[in-house]
N, C-alpha and C. Protein backbone atom coordinates (compact mmCIF):
# COMPACT_ATOMS: atom_id res chain seq x y z
N UNK A 1 -49.73 22.47 -24.61
CA UNK A 1 -49.18 21.02 -25.09
C UNK A 1 -48.03 20.45 -24.47
N UNK A 2 -48.21 18.92 -25.14
CA UNK A 2 -47.09 17.75 -24.36
C UNK A 2 -45.82 18.17 -24.78
N UNK A 3 -45.22 17.90 -23.46
CA UNK A 3 -43.80 17.99 -23.66
C UNK A 3 -43.02 16.80 -24.95
N UNK A 4 -42.01 17.14 -25.57
CA UNK A 4 -41.07 15.94 -26.07
C UNK A 4 -40.73 14.95 -25.45
N UNK A 5 -41.01 14.00 -26.13
CA UNK A 5 -39.81 12.58 -25.69
C UNK A 5 -39.07 12.21 -26.56
N UNK A 6 -38.15 11.41 -26.46
CA UNK A 6 -37.37 11.06 -27.19
C UNK A 6 -35.85 11.71 -27.20
N UNK A 7 -35.24 11.40 -27.88
CA UNK A 7 -33.51 11.65 -27.76
C UNK A 7 -33.38 13.17 -27.57
N UNK A 8 -32.34 13.74 -27.11
CA UNK A 8 -32.26 14.90 -27.06
C UNK A 8 -31.35 15.20 -28.15
N UNK A 9 -31.59 16.41 -29.11
CA UNK A 9 -30.93 17.06 -30.13
C UNK A 9 -29.85 17.36 -29.48
N UNK A 10 -29.05 17.88 -30.67
CA UNK A 10 -27.64 18.37 -30.63
C UNK A 10 -27.92 19.99 -30.24
N UNK A 11 -27.06 20.26 -29.21
CA UNK A 11 -27.06 21.62 -28.66
C UNK A 11 -25.64 21.67 -27.77
N UNK A 12 -25.67 22.92 -27.29
CA UNK A 12 -24.16 23.26 -26.77
C UNK A 12 -23.99 22.26 -25.57
N UNK A 13 -25.25 21.70 -24.81
CA UNK A 13 -24.98 20.96 -23.78
C UNK A 13 -24.37 19.51 -24.08
N UNK A 14 -24.97 19.03 -25.42
CA UNK A 14 -24.64 17.76 -25.57
C UNK A 14 -23.27 17.09 -25.65
N UNK A 15 -22.03 18.06 -26.09
CA UNK A 15 -20.93 17.55 -25.98
C UNK A 15 -20.24 17.03 -24.40
N UNK A 16 -20.80 17.74 -23.71
CA UNK A 16 -20.66 17.57 -22.23
C UNK A 16 -21.50 16.81 -21.61
N UNK A 17 -22.53 16.26 -21.91
CA UNK A 17 -23.51 15.18 -21.56
C UNK A 17 -22.88 14.00 -21.78
N UNK A 18 -22.53 13.89 -23.56
CA UNK A 18 -22.00 12.54 -23.86
C UNK A 18 -20.48 11.86 -22.87
N UNK A 19 -19.63 13.25 -22.95
CA UNK A 19 -18.56 13.09 -21.81
C UNK A 19 -19.10 12.12 -20.40
N UNK A 20 -19.78 13.01 -19.87
CA UNK A 20 -19.89 12.67 -18.72
C UNK A 20 -20.83 11.25 -18.19
N UNK A 21 -21.49 10.96 -20.00
CA UNK A 21 -21.99 9.56 -20.09
C UNK A 21 -20.74 8.21 -20.24
N UNK A 22 -19.84 9.00 -20.99
CA UNK A 22 -18.85 8.19 -21.31
C UNK A 22 -17.95 7.86 -20.09
N UNK A 23 -17.69 8.76 -19.22
CA UNK A 23 -16.98 8.76 -18.07
C UNK A 23 -17.71 7.49 -17.22
N UNK A 24 -18.88 7.44 -16.92
CA UNK A 24 -19.49 6.74 -16.11
C UNK A 24 -19.71 5.69 -16.67
N UNK A 25 -20.02 5.36 -17.78
CA UNK A 25 -19.87 3.99 -18.93
C UNK A 25 -18.64 3.13 -19.01
N UNK A 26 -17.77 3.53 -19.16
CA UNK A 26 -16.13 3.55 -19.22
C UNK A 26 -15.77 3.03 -18.00
N UNK A 27 -16.09 3.91 -16.78
CA UNK A 27 -15.83 3.47 -15.43
C UNK A 27 -16.37 2.22 -14.85
N UNK A 28 -17.91 1.83 -15.25
CA UNK A 28 -18.82 1.10 -14.58
C UNK A 28 -18.54 -0.09 -15.54
N UNK A 29 -18.09 -0.19 -17.06
CA UNK A 29 -18.09 -1.61 -17.82
C UNK A 29 -16.74 -1.98 -18.24
N UNK A 30 -15.69 -0.56 -18.19
CA UNK A 30 -14.35 -1.24 -18.49
C UNK A 30 -14.28 -0.54 -20.04
N UNK A 31 -13.26 -0.07 -20.79
CA UNK A 31 -13.17 0.03 -22.31
C UNK A 31 -13.43 -0.89 -22.75
N UNK A 32 -13.39 -1.94 -22.89
CA UNK A 32 -13.63 -3.21 -23.69
C UNK A 32 -15.02 -3.49 -23.89
N UNK A 33 -15.88 -3.50 -22.74
CA UNK A 33 -17.33 -3.80 -22.81
C UNK A 33 -18.10 -2.75 -23.16
N UNK A 34 -17.80 -1.28 -22.75
CA UNK A 34 -18.15 -0.11 -23.08
C UNK A 34 -18.61 0.04 -24.66
N UNK A 35 -19.77 0.43 -24.98
CA UNK A 35 -19.99 0.45 -26.26
C UNK A 35 -20.61 2.28 -26.90
N UNK A 36 -20.14 2.39 -27.95
CA UNK A 36 -20.76 3.95 -28.29
C UNK A 36 -22.21 4.02 -28.07
N UNK A 37 -22.83 2.81 -28.20
CA UNK A 37 -24.74 2.52 -28.40
C UNK A 37 -24.89 3.09 -26.35
N UNK A 38 -24.32 2.38 -25.77
CA UNK A 38 -24.46 1.87 -24.28
C UNK A 38 -24.27 3.65 -24.01
N UNK A 39 -23.36 4.18 -24.57
CA UNK A 39 -22.87 6.03 -24.08
C UNK A 39 -24.11 6.69 -24.51
N UNK A 40 -24.39 6.31 -25.98
CA UNK A 40 -25.40 7.47 -26.42
C UNK A 40 -26.76 7.00 -25.50
N UNK A 41 -27.02 5.91 -25.24
CA UNK A 41 -28.16 5.79 -24.52
C UNK A 41 -28.00 6.47 -23.09
N UNK A 42 -27.08 6.57 -22.55
CA UNK A 42 -27.01 6.94 -21.06
C UNK A 42 -26.74 8.34 -21.00
N UNK A 43 -26.33 9.03 -22.09
CA UNK A 43 -26.66 10.66 -22.85
C UNK A 43 -27.88 10.99 -23.18
N UNK A 44 -28.75 10.11 -23.87
CA UNK A 44 -29.77 10.42 -24.31
C UNK A 44 -29.87 11.17 -25.55
N UNK A 45 -29.03 10.78 -26.50
CA UNK A 45 -28.66 11.12 -27.56
C UNK A 45 -28.75 10.19 -28.70
N UNK A 46 -28.59 10.18 -30.21
CA UNK A 46 -28.49 9.23 -31.08
C UNK A 46 -27.14 8.88 -30.99
N UNK A 47 -26.54 7.63 -31.42
CA UNK A 47 -25.18 7.43 -31.49
C UNK A 47 -24.31 8.22 -32.64
N UNK A 48 -25.32 8.62 -33.56
CA UNK A 48 -24.45 8.89 -34.57
C UNK A 48 -23.96 10.47 -34.16
N UNK A 49 -24.52 11.10 -33.03
CA UNK A 49 -24.17 12.60 -32.78
C UNK A 49 -22.66 12.05 -31.62
N UNK A 50 -22.66 11.03 -30.75
CA UNK A 50 -21.10 10.54 -30.67
C UNK A 50 -20.53 10.73 -31.64
N UNK A 51 -20.36 9.96 -32.57
CA UNK A 51 -19.28 9.86 -33.57
C UNK A 51 -19.17 11.50 -34.08
N UNK A 52 -20.35 12.02 -34.10
CA UNK A 52 -20.23 13.66 -34.94
C UNK A 52 -18.94 14.33 -33.69
N UNK A 53 -19.29 14.00 -32.65
CA UNK A 53 -18.53 15.24 -31.76
C UNK A 53 -17.10 14.31 -31.39
N UNK A 54 -17.05 13.21 -31.61
CA UNK A 54 -15.83 12.72 -30.97
C UNK A 54 -15.14 11.69 -32.29
N UNK A 55 -15.83 10.98 -33.08
CA UNK A 55 -15.09 10.38 -34.03
C UNK A 55 -15.12 8.91 -33.48
N UNK A 56 -14.01 8.18 -33.17
CA UNK A 56 -14.14 6.94 -32.35
C UNK A 56 -14.21 6.77 -30.85
N UNK A 57 -14.25 5.30 -30.85
CA UNK A 57 -14.22 5.08 -29.46
C UNK A 57 -12.87 5.52 -28.75
N UNK A 58 -12.10 5.32 -29.17
CA UNK A 58 -10.42 5.61 -28.54
C UNK A 58 -10.47 7.00 -28.10
N UNK A 59 -11.10 7.82 -29.50
CA UNK A 59 -10.73 9.28 -29.39
C UNK A 59 -12.10 9.86 -28.11
N UNK A 60 -12.99 8.93 -27.84
CA UNK A 60 -13.87 9.49 -27.17
C UNK A 60 -13.17 8.89 -25.68
N UNK A 61 -12.34 7.76 -25.40
CA UNK A 61 -12.13 7.47 -24.36
C UNK A 61 -11.16 8.85 -23.67
N UNK A 62 -10.12 9.04 -24.59
CA UNK A 62 -9.05 10.13 -24.50
C UNK A 62 -9.59 11.31 -24.03
N UNK A 63 -11.00 11.93 -24.55
CA UNK A 63 -11.64 12.99 -24.27
C UNK A 63 -11.81 12.61 -22.79
N UNK A 64 -12.53 11.38 -22.67
CA UNK A 64 -13.23 11.53 -21.28
C UNK A 64 -12.21 11.31 -20.21
N UNK A 65 -11.04 10.80 -20.62
CA UNK A 65 -9.97 10.86 -19.54
C UNK A 65 -9.46 12.19 -19.34
N UNK A 66 -9.46 13.31 -20.15
CA UNK A 66 -8.91 14.41 -20.43
C UNK A 66 -7.47 13.82 -20.84
N UNK A 67 -7.22 13.12 -21.25
CA UNK A 67 -5.66 12.60 -21.50
C UNK A 67 -4.83 13.60 -22.25
N UNK A 68 -3.87 14.02 -21.89
CA UNK A 68 -2.54 15.19 -22.33
C UNK A 68 -2.02 14.60 -23.59
N UNK A 69 -1.97 13.40 -23.97
CA UNK A 69 -1.49 12.74 -24.96
C UNK A 69 -2.70 11.19 -25.42
N UNK A 70 -2.16 11.11 -26.59
CA UNK A 70 -2.42 10.12 -27.42
C UNK A 70 -1.64 8.56 -27.66
N UNK A 71 -1.77 7.81 -26.76
CA UNK A 71 -0.47 6.84 -27.23
C UNK A 71 -0.90 6.13 -28.51
N UNK A 72 -1.88 6.37 -28.94
CA UNK A 72 -1.65 5.37 -30.42
C UNK A 72 -1.27 6.15 -31.25
N UNK A 73 -0.74 7.70 -31.55
CA UNK A 73 0.24 8.29 -32.12
C UNK A 73 1.35 8.63 -31.57
N UNK A 74 1.96 7.77 -30.34
CA UNK A 74 3.34 7.59 -29.92
C UNK A 74 3.75 6.47 -29.86
N UNK A 75 3.08 5.63 -29.59
CA UNK A 75 3.62 4.21 -29.21
C UNK A 75 4.46 3.65 -30.64
N UNK A 76 3.52 3.60 -31.83
CA UNK A 76 4.28 3.33 -33.04
C UNK A 76 5.30 3.34 -33.42
N UNK A 77 5.65 5.07 -33.16
CA UNK A 77 7.29 5.37 -33.48
C UNK A 77 8.14 4.74 -32.52
N UNK A 78 7.99 4.55 -31.23
CA UNK A 78 8.81 4.33 -30.57
C UNK A 78 8.79 2.79 -30.69
N UNK A 79 8.31 2.34 -30.94
CA UNK A 79 8.14 0.64 -31.24
C UNK A 79 8.27 0.16 -32.53
N UNK A 80 8.19 0.59 -33.54
CA UNK A 80 8.39 -0.11 -34.69
C UNK A 80 9.38 -0.88 -35.09
N UNK A 81 10.55 -0.15 -34.30
CA UNK A 81 11.85 -0.91 -34.53
C UNK A 81 12.05 -2.23 -33.85
N UNK A 82 10.68 -2.89 -33.06
CA UNK A 82 10.62 -3.96 -32.52
C UNK A 82 11.38 -3.96 -30.84
N UNK A 83 11.31 -5.38 -30.60
CA UNK A 83 11.80 -5.59 -29.31
C UNK A 83 12.99 -5.09 -28.69
N UNK A 84 14.21 -5.33 -29.67
CA UNK A 84 15.23 -4.83 -29.49
C UNK A 84 15.54 -3.77 -29.25
N UNK A 85 16.14 -2.81 -28.00
CA UNK A 85 16.48 -1.64 -27.50
C UNK A 85 15.16 -0.79 -27.14
N UNK A 86 13.93 -1.65 -27.08
CA UNK A 86 12.82 -0.93 -26.66
C UNK A 86 12.54 -0.45 -25.13
N UNK A 87 13.38 -0.93 -24.40
CA UNK A 87 13.35 -0.40 -23.05
C UNK A 87 13.80 0.96 -23.09
N UNK A 88 15.02 1.24 -23.64
CA UNK A 88 15.37 2.74 -23.39
C UNK A 88 14.73 3.63 -24.35
N UNK A 89 14.00 3.01 -25.77
CA UNK A 89 13.02 3.85 -26.13
C UNK A 89 11.73 3.93 -25.30
N UNK A 90 11.23 3.32 -24.87
CA UNK A 90 10.07 3.38 -23.89
C UNK A 90 9.90 4.72 -23.22
N UNK A 91 11.71 4.42 -22.38
CA UNK A 91 11.55 5.34 -21.07
C UNK A 91 12.08 6.53 -21.75
N UNK A 92 13.00 6.91 -23.33
CA UNK A 92 12.95 8.49 -23.98
C UNK A 92 11.89 8.52 -23.64
N UNK A 93 10.76 8.13 -24.62
CA UNK A 93 9.42 8.75 -24.96
C UNK A 93 8.71 9.20 -23.58
N UNK A 94 8.99 8.06 -22.38
CA UNK A 94 8.15 9.18 -21.25
C UNK A 94 8.86 10.16 -20.56
N UNK A 95 10.26 10.31 -20.76
CA UNK A 95 10.74 11.41 -20.15
C UNK A 95 10.41 12.74 -21.27
N UNK A 96 10.26 12.25 -22.38
CA UNK A 96 10.08 13.49 -23.14
C UNK A 96 8.53 13.96 -23.02
N UNK A 97 7.97 13.14 -22.65
CA UNK A 97 6.20 13.85 -22.58
C UNK A 97 6.17 14.22 -21.42
N UNK A 98 6.81 13.81 -20.38
CA UNK A 98 6.52 14.17 -18.98
C UNK A 98 7.38 15.39 -18.63
N UNK A 99 8.60 15.05 -19.26
CA UNK A 99 9.08 16.93 -19.28
C UNK A 99 8.67 17.65 -20.13
N UNK A 100 7.43 17.53 -21.08
CA UNK A 100 7.15 18.44 -22.12
C UNK A 100 5.68 19.11 -21.55
N UNK A 101 4.87 20.10 -21.94
CA UNK A 101 4.04 20.63 -21.46
C UNK A 101 2.73 19.61 -21.04
N UNK A 102 2.57 18.25 -21.56
CA UNK A 102 1.79 17.78 -20.96
C UNK A 102 2.18 17.18 -19.82
N UNK A 103 3.19 17.23 -18.99
CA UNK A 103 3.41 16.55 -17.97
C UNK A 103 2.87 17.03 -16.31
N UNK A 104 2.48 18.28 -16.75
CA UNK A 104 1.69 19.11 -15.49
C UNK A 104 -0.01 18.65 -15.82
N UNK A 105 -0.41 18.38 -16.84
CA UNK A 105 -1.47 17.73 -16.85
C UNK A 105 -1.51 15.95 -16.36
N UNK A 106 -0.94 15.25 -16.39
CA UNK A 106 -0.04 14.06 -16.31
C UNK A 106 -0.21 13.71 -14.83
N UNK A 107 0.33 15.13 -14.06
CA UNK A 107 0.59 14.99 -12.73
C UNK A 107 -0.87 14.96 -12.28
N UNK A 108 -1.76 16.10 -12.82
CA UNK A 108 -2.90 16.54 -11.89
C UNK A 108 -3.73 15.17 -12.16
N UNK A 109 -3.65 14.50 -13.45
CA UNK A 109 -4.59 13.18 -13.27
C UNK A 109 -4.36 12.00 -12.50
N UNK A 110 -3.01 11.94 -12.26
CA UNK A 110 -2.47 10.70 -11.24
C UNK A 110 -2.62 11.29 -9.87
N UNK A 111 -2.74 12.66 -9.40
CA UNK A 111 -3.20 13.09 -8.31
C UNK A 111 -4.74 13.07 -7.98
N UNK A 112 -5.79 12.97 -9.17
CA UNK A 112 -6.69 12.55 -8.87
C UNK A 112 -7.08 11.20 -8.80
N UNK A 113 -6.53 10.67 -9.67
CA UNK A 113 -6.40 9.03 -9.51
C UNK A 113 -6.21 8.45 -7.69
N UNK A 114 -5.24 9.24 -7.25
CA UNK A 114 -5.06 8.42 -6.02
C UNK A 114 -5.76 9.22 -5.19
N UNK A 115 -6.78 9.98 -5.09
CA UNK A 115 -7.93 10.40 -4.30
C UNK A 115 -9.35 10.11 -4.95
N UNK A 116 -9.57 9.79 -5.77
CA UNK A 116 -11.03 9.19 -6.38
C UNK A 116 -11.10 8.03 -7.15
N UNK A 117 -11.75 6.95 -6.73
CA UNK A 117 -11.60 5.66 -6.74
C UNK A 117 -12.48 5.96 -8.46
N UNK A 118 -13.13 6.48 -8.73
CA UNK A 118 -13.87 6.77 -9.98
C UNK A 118 -12.96 6.97 -11.26
N UNK A 119 -11.87 8.41 -10.76
CA UNK A 119 -11.14 8.67 -11.51
C UNK A 119 -10.26 7.14 -11.59
N UNK A 120 -9.63 6.75 -10.42
CA UNK A 120 -8.88 5.62 -10.58
C UNK A 120 -9.31 4.39 -11.51
N UNK A 121 -10.48 4.24 -11.52
CA UNK A 121 -11.03 2.88 -12.33
C UNK A 121 -10.63 3.48 -13.80
N UNK A 122 -11.55 4.54 -14.30
CA UNK A 122 -10.75 5.40 -15.73
C UNK A 122 -9.17 5.07 -15.86
N UNK A 123 -8.35 5.62 -15.06
CA UNK A 123 -6.90 5.62 -15.12
C UNK A 123 -6.39 4.10 -15.31
N UNK A 124 -7.02 3.24 -14.70
CA UNK A 124 -6.52 1.78 -15.01
C UNK A 124 -6.79 1.53 -16.11
N UNK A 125 -8.17 1.67 -16.60
CA UNK A 125 -8.56 1.21 -17.96
C UNK A 125 -7.41 1.83 -19.22
N UNK A 126 -7.20 2.83 -18.76
CA UNK A 126 -6.04 3.86 -19.78
C UNK A 126 -4.85 3.31 -19.83
N UNK A 127 -4.46 2.63 -19.04
CA UNK A 127 -2.89 2.52 -18.91
C UNK A 127 -3.30 0.78 -19.25
N UNK A 128 -3.87 0.25 -18.94
CA UNK A 128 -4.15 -1.34 -19.37
C UNK A 128 -4.61 -1.39 -20.97
N UNK A 129 -5.57 -0.52 -21.61
CA UNK A 129 -6.03 -0.92 -22.67
C UNK A 129 -5.35 0.04 -23.92
N UNK A 130 -4.91 1.31 -23.68
CA UNK A 130 -4.30 2.61 -24.44
C UNK A 130 -2.77 2.39 -24.50
N UNK A 131 -2.38 1.79 -23.16
CA UNK A 131 -0.64 1.71 -22.98
C UNK A 131 -0.20 0.79 -23.43
N UNK A 132 -0.38 -0.30 -22.40
CA UNK A 132 0.21 -1.51 -22.30
C UNK A 132 -0.21 -2.54 -23.25
N UNK A 133 -1.36 -2.43 -23.37
CA UNK A 133 -2.13 -3.87 -24.65
C UNK A 133 -1.64 -3.39 -25.80
N UNK A 134 -1.32 -2.03 -26.10
CA UNK A 134 -0.77 -1.56 -27.21
C UNK A 134 0.43 -1.94 -27.88
N UNK A 135 1.26 -1.62 -26.78
CA UNK A 135 2.57 -1.96 -26.43
C UNK A 135 2.77 -3.09 -27.03
N UNK A 136 2.35 -4.38 -26.20
CA UNK A 136 2.57 -5.57 -26.33
C UNK A 136 2.02 -6.11 -27.88
N UNK A 137 0.96 -5.39 -27.92
CA UNK A 137 0.74 -6.06 -29.53
C UNK A 137 1.75 -5.73 -30.43
N UNK A 138 2.15 -4.19 -30.56
CA UNK A 138 3.04 -3.78 -31.52
C UNK A 138 4.19 -4.63 -31.15
N UNK A 139 4.79 -5.00 -30.22
CA UNK A 139 5.73 -5.54 -30.25
C UNK A 139 5.76 -7.11 -30.20
N UNK A 140 4.53 -7.61 -30.22
CA UNK A 140 4.47 -9.10 -31.28
C UNK A 140 4.50 -9.88 -29.58
N UNK A 141 4.52 -9.57 -28.68
CA UNK A 141 4.75 -10.01 -27.26
C UNK A 141 3.81 -11.13 -27.21
N UNK A 142 4.37 -12.32 -26.67
CA UNK A 142 3.45 -13.86 -26.61
C UNK A 142 2.32 -13.03 -25.66
N UNK A 143 1.04 -13.33 -26.14
CA UNK A 143 -0.39 -13.03 -25.36
C UNK A 143 -0.28 -13.72 -23.82
N UNK A 144 0.23 -15.11 -23.94
CA UNK A 144 0.21 -15.85 -22.60
C UNK A 144 1.44 -15.00 -21.58
N UNK A 145 2.60 -14.31 -21.99
CA UNK A 145 3.40 -13.64 -21.00
C UNK A 145 2.96 -12.14 -20.94
N UNK A 146 2.32 -11.15 -21.88
CA UNK A 146 2.12 -10.14 -21.89
C UNK A 146 1.63 -9.34 -20.90
N UNK A 147 0.34 -10.19 -19.97
CA UNK A 147 0.24 -9.28 -18.97
C UNK A 147 1.32 -9.30 -17.74
N UNK A 148 1.93 -10.17 -17.18
CA UNK A 148 3.03 -10.22 -16.31
C UNK A 148 4.20 -9.09 -16.94
N UNK A 149 4.61 -9.21 -18.41
CA UNK A 149 5.65 -8.16 -18.30
C UNK A 149 5.35 -7.16 -18.68
N UNK A 150 3.88 -6.85 -19.18
CA UNK A 150 3.57 -5.35 -19.51
C UNK A 150 3.11 -4.76 -17.71
N UNK A 151 2.54 -5.27 -16.72
CA UNK A 151 2.58 -5.07 -15.58
C UNK A 151 4.05 -4.66 -14.71
N UNK A 152 4.46 -5.63 -15.07
CA UNK A 152 6.06 -5.33 -14.49
C UNK A 152 6.72 -4.12 -15.11
N UNK A 153 6.75 -3.98 -16.09
CA UNK A 153 7.10 -2.51 -17.00
C UNK A 153 6.39 -1.17 -16.43
N UNK A 154 5.10 -1.38 -15.96
CA UNK A 154 4.19 -0.40 -15.85
C UNK A 154 4.76 -0.23 -14.13
N UNK A 155 5.04 -1.12 -13.30
CA UNK A 155 5.26 -0.95 -12.26
C UNK A 155 6.69 0.09 -12.08
N UNK A 156 7.57 -0.04 -13.09
CA UNK A 156 8.96 0.56 -13.15
C UNK A 156 8.51 1.89 -13.80
N UNK A 157 7.93 2.14 -14.63
CA UNK A 157 7.39 3.49 -15.08
C UNK A 157 6.63 4.11 -14.46
N UNK A 158 5.72 3.39 -13.99
CA UNK A 158 5.18 4.15 -12.82
C UNK A 158 5.19 4.79 -11.46
N UNK A 159 6.74 4.16 -11.05
CA UNK A 159 7.30 4.48 -9.79
C UNK A 159 8.14 5.76 -10.16
N UNK A 160 9.07 5.53 -11.37
CA UNK A 160 9.80 6.89 -11.89
C UNK A 160 8.63 7.83 -12.14
N UNK A 161 7.76 7.81 -12.32
CA UNK A 161 6.86 9.10 -12.88
C UNK A 161 6.31 9.85 -11.23
N UNK A 162 6.01 8.95 -10.16
CA UNK A 162 5.61 9.39 -9.09
C UNK A 162 6.99 10.29 -8.54
N UNK A 163 8.26 9.41 -8.41
CA UNK A 163 9.06 9.96 -7.95
C UNK A 163 9.74 11.42 -8.24
N UNK A 164 9.61 11.50 -9.79
CA UNK A 164 10.43 12.31 -10.31
C UNK A 164 9.39 13.45 -10.63
N UNK A 165 8.29 13.30 -10.86
CA UNK A 165 7.30 14.21 -11.31
C UNK A 165 6.10 15.06 -10.35
N UNK A 166 5.69 13.76 -9.39
CA UNK A 166 4.59 14.16 -8.37
C UNK A 166 5.21 14.19 -6.85
N UNK A 167 6.40 13.16 -6.19
CA UNK A 167 6.75 13.70 -5.21
C UNK A 167 7.59 14.48 -5.81
N UNK A 168 8.73 14.53 -6.34
CA UNK A 168 9.86 15.08 -7.05
C UNK A 168 11.10 14.71 -5.78
N UNK A 169 11.21 13.90 -5.75
CA UNK A 169 12.71 13.27 -4.82
C UNK A 169 13.75 13.02 -5.61
N UNK A 170 14.29 14.12 -4.68
CA UNK A 170 15.88 14.37 -5.13
C UNK A 170 16.66 13.10 -4.92
N UNK A 171 17.75 12.89 -5.94
CA UNK A 171 18.08 13.72 -6.87
C UNK A 171 17.61 13.11 -8.48
N UNK A 172 16.38 12.21 -8.42
CA UNK A 172 15.85 11.71 -9.56
C UNK A 172 15.34 12.83 -10.09
N UNK A 173 14.60 13.67 -9.81
CA UNK A 173 13.76 14.59 -10.08
C UNK A 173 14.00 15.46 -10.97
N UNK A 174 15.65 16.11 -10.73
CA UNK A 174 16.64 16.72 -11.30
C UNK A 174 17.63 16.19 -12.45
N UNK A 175 17.79 14.53 -12.48
CA UNK A 175 18.40 14.20 -13.15
C UNK A 175 18.32 14.31 -14.70
N UNK A 176 19.57 14.22 -15.12
CA UNK A 176 19.31 14.17 -16.71
C UNK A 176 18.30 13.40 -17.15
N UNK A 177 17.73 13.34 -18.43
CA UNK A 177 17.16 12.24 -18.92
C UNK A 177 17.92 11.32 -19.36
N UNK A 178 18.92 11.59 -20.10
CA UNK A 178 19.69 10.51 -20.79
C UNK A 178 20.47 9.34 -19.49
N UNK A 179 20.75 10.16 -18.15
CA UNK A 179 21.31 9.26 -17.18
C UNK A 179 20.03 8.01 -16.94
N UNK A 180 19.12 8.64 -17.13
CA UNK A 180 17.65 7.71 -16.61
C UNK A 180 17.31 6.91 -17.75
N UNK A 181 17.33 7.36 -18.69
CA UNK A 181 17.44 6.61 -20.05
C UNK A 181 18.31 5.16 -19.95
N UNK A 182 19.46 5.33 -19.70
CA UNK A 182 20.97 4.44 -19.57
C UNK A 182 20.83 3.58 -18.30
N UNK A 183 19.96 3.84 -17.34
CA UNK A 183 19.82 3.54 -16.12
C UNK A 183 18.59 2.29 -15.95
N UNK A 184 17.61 3.16 -15.95
CA UNK A 184 16.32 2.52 -15.71
C UNK A 184 16.22 1.41 -17.44
N UNK A 185 16.44 2.21 -18.21
CA UNK A 185 16.20 1.44 -19.77
C UNK A 185 16.64 0.32 -19.66
N UNK A 186 17.67 -0.57 -19.42
CA UNK A 186 17.88 -2.02 -19.30
C UNK A 186 17.17 -2.98 -18.65
N UNK A 187 16.82 -2.41 -17.46
CA UNK A 187 15.51 -2.96 -16.70
C UNK A 187 14.06 -3.06 -17.10
N UNK A 188 13.73 -2.29 -17.99
CA UNK A 188 12.43 -2.10 -18.75
C UNK A 188 12.84 -3.52 -19.83
N UNK A 189 14.01 -3.46 -20.54
CA UNK A 189 14.27 -4.42 -21.75
C UNK A 189 14.54 -5.84 -20.88
N UNK A 190 15.11 -6.16 -19.52
CA UNK A 190 15.11 -7.25 -19.04
C UNK A 190 13.42 -7.72 -19.17
N UNK A 191 12.68 -7.17 -18.60
CA UNK A 191 11.24 -7.24 -18.29
C UNK A 191 10.63 -7.41 -19.46
N UNK A 192 10.75 -7.05 -20.55
CA UNK A 192 10.21 -7.15 -21.87
C UNK A 192 10.57 -8.45 -22.74
N UNK A 193 12.10 -8.61 -22.75
CA UNK A 193 12.36 -10.11 -23.51
C UNK A 193 13.15 -10.86 -22.81
N UNK A 194 13.69 -10.87 -21.67
CA UNK A 194 14.44 -11.50 -21.11
C UNK A 194 13.69 -12.73 -20.14
N UNK A 195 14.12 -13.99 -19.87
CA UNK A 195 13.08 -15.17 -19.61
C UNK A 195 12.76 -14.90 -17.84
N UNK A 196 11.90 -14.75 -17.64
CA UNK A 196 11.52 -14.63 -16.07
C UNK A 196 11.19 -15.97 -15.29
N UNK A 197 11.56 -16.41 -14.27
CA UNK A 197 11.47 -17.15 -13.73
C UNK A 197 10.26 -17.28 -13.23
N UNK A 198 9.49 -18.58 -13.30
CA UNK A 198 7.97 -19.22 -13.03
C UNK A 198 7.25 -18.18 -13.75
N UNK A 199 7.43 -17.55 -15.06
CA UNK A 199 6.57 -16.71 -15.73
C UNK A 199 5.09 -17.82 -15.92
N UNK A 200 5.29 -18.90 -16.44
CA UNK A 200 4.20 -19.67 -16.59
C UNK A 200 3.63 -20.09 -15.59
N UNK A 201 3.86 -20.00 -14.54
CA UNK A 201 3.09 -20.02 -13.54
C UNK A 201 2.21 -19.15 -12.69
N UNK A 202 2.44 -17.67 -13.46
CA UNK A 202 2.05 -16.78 -12.97
C UNK A 202 0.58 -16.60 -13.32
């Protein structure tokens, strides 16, 4: 009897096959250009199965990243009050997440991104599309200024995460959260709303 052809039916391995395909497609094409159809084709399943297992493209990306958090749920509550005071609210949220149960998974993800180019590409897409772009959109930052402002914020938060949670540099590693909020928050606020010399030329 001739072997079956066509798309792979649903089975216990289907979810992992979709995740593997999603990681490859997201890494190769980036979040914006990756489509559910392309991921389904790479996994040899029907697109409906992708939606069945993961729902939306956002949810599939979070699963592919093995992200311990969903920025889509965290950011709106932090940024809903608008740009004023957003710097302190953002850094307070970062500390709450990284000091909590999700912190260990986050550290593992960063360490993997530092040693694996494939993971680094996924992590870059995650930061760019799920965190920074969402934040700039939520705060209605001028689209022409959003890239450099969000990148400056990322350098500050990324450096803090590296020193406090990965390198564990003292005394920053054991400093009280509110001390960090009151010292780092104003820097984030400046990057977010103050005039930046030469910004239009960046």
